[in-house]
């Protein structure tokens, strides 16, 4: 087997540039006002438009 090649910090950073976590989108429930993820039923009251 050939020796493993070294990967510079910049090369690794460029590869990982798309791995950052994104914030979860939250909206207020129209019925009870609890925070809810969009396009999902409200976890506290079960309301779904």
C-alpha atoms as a PDB file:
ATOM      1  CA  UNK A   1       0.000   0.000   0.000  1.00  0.00           C
ATOM      2  CA  UNK A   2       1.250   3.522  -0.740  1.00  0.00           C
ATOM      3  CA  UNK A   3       1.872   5.898   2.177  1.00  0.00           C
ATOM      4  CA  UNK A   4      -1.033   8.048   3.293  1.00  0.00           C
ATOM      5  CA  UNK A   5      -0.844  11.564   1.872  1.00  0.00           C
ATOM      6  CA  UNK A   6      -0.906  14.621   4.126  1.00  0.00           C
ATOM      7  CA  UNK A   7      -3.940  16.923   3.910  1.00  0.00           C
ATOM      8  CA  UNK A   8      -3.280  20.561   4.777  1.00  0.00           C
ATOM      9  CA  UNK A   9      -5.502  22.447   7.218  1.00  0.00           C
ATOM     10  CA  UNK A  10      -6.831  24.625   4.391  1.00  0.00           C
ATOM     11  CA  UNK A  11      -7.737  21.599   2.276  1.00  0.00           C
ATOM     12  CA  UNK A  12      -9.567  19.981   5.195  1.00  0.00           C
ATOM     13  CA  UNK A  13     -11.274  23.292   6.026  1.00  0.00           C
ATOM     14  CA  UNK A  14     -12.475  23.731   2.461  1.00  0.00           C
ATOM     15  CA  UNK A  15     -13.926  20.226   2.502  1.00  0.00           C
ATOM     16  CA  UNK A  16     -15.664  20.855   5.830  1.00  0.00           C
ATOM     17  CA  UNK A  17     -16.972  24.311   4.882  1.00  0.00           C
ATOM     18  CA  UNK A  18     -20.395  22.829   4.068  1.00  0.00           C
ATOM     19  CA  UNK A  19     -20.742  20.878   7.317  1.00  0.00           C
ATOM     20  CA  UNK A  20     -21.750  23.800   9.541  1.00  0.00           C
ATOM     21  CA  UNK A  21     -25.016  23.289  11.406  1.00  0.00           C
ATOM     22  CA  UNK A  22     -27.942  25.510  10.480  1.00  0.00           C
ATOM     23  CA  UNK A  23     -30.477  26.925  12.898  1.00  0.00           C
ATOM     24  CA  UNK A  24     -33.807  25.121  13.066  1.00  0.00           C
ATOM     25  CA  UNK A  25     -36.625  27.258  11.683  1.00  0.00           C
ATOM     26  CA  UNK A  26     -39.354  27.864  14.255  1.00  0.00           C
ATOM     27  CA  UNK A  27     -42.704  29.640  13.899  1.00  0.00           C
ATOM     28  CA  UNK A  28     -45.397  30.477  16.450  1.00  0.00           C
ATOM     29  CA  UNK A  29     -48.481  28.250  16.445  1.00  0.00           C
ATOM     30  CA  UNK A  30     -51.475  30.177  15.122  1.00  0.00           C
ATOM     31  CA  UNK A  31     -53.756  28.681  17.780  1.00  0.00           C
ATOM     32  CA  UNK A  32     -51.754  28.554  21.021  1.00  0.00           C
ATOM     33  CA  UNK A  33     -48.587  30.535  20.190  1.00  0.00           C
ATOM     34  CA  UNK A  34     -46.158  27.742  21.092  1.00  0.00           C
ATOM     35  CA  UNK A  35     -42.980  27.442  19.002  1.00  0.00           C
ATOM     36  CA  UNK A  36     -43.473  24.907  16.224  1.00  0.00           C
ATOM     37  CA  UNK A  37     -41.489  23.724  13.221  1.00  0.00           C
ATOM     38  CA  UNK A  38     -43.090  24.866   9.954  1.00  0.00           C
ATOM     39  CA  UNK A  39     -45.314  22.394   8.055  1.00  0.00           C
ATOM     40  CA  UNK A  40     -45.751  20.182  11.128  1.00  0.00           C
ATOM     41  CA  UNK A  41     -48.481  19.713  13.724  1.00  0.00           C
ATOM     42  CA  UNK A  42     -48.092  21.758  16.909  1.00  0.00           C
ATOM     43  CA  UNK A  43     -46.553  19.573  19.647  1.00  0.00           C
ATOM     44  CA  UNK A  44     -48.555  21.238  22.450  1.00  0.00           C
ATOM     45  CA  UNK A  45     -52.070  21.514  20.980  1.00  0.00           C
ATOM     46  CA  UNK A  46     -51.913  19.325  17.867  1.00  0.00           C
ATOM     47  CA  UNK A  47     -53.194  22.076  15.568  1.00  0.00           C
ATOM     48  CA  UNK A  48     -52.287  21.828  11.886  1.00  0.00           C
ATOM     49  CA  UNK A  49     -53.731  24.366   9.500  1.00  0.00           C
END
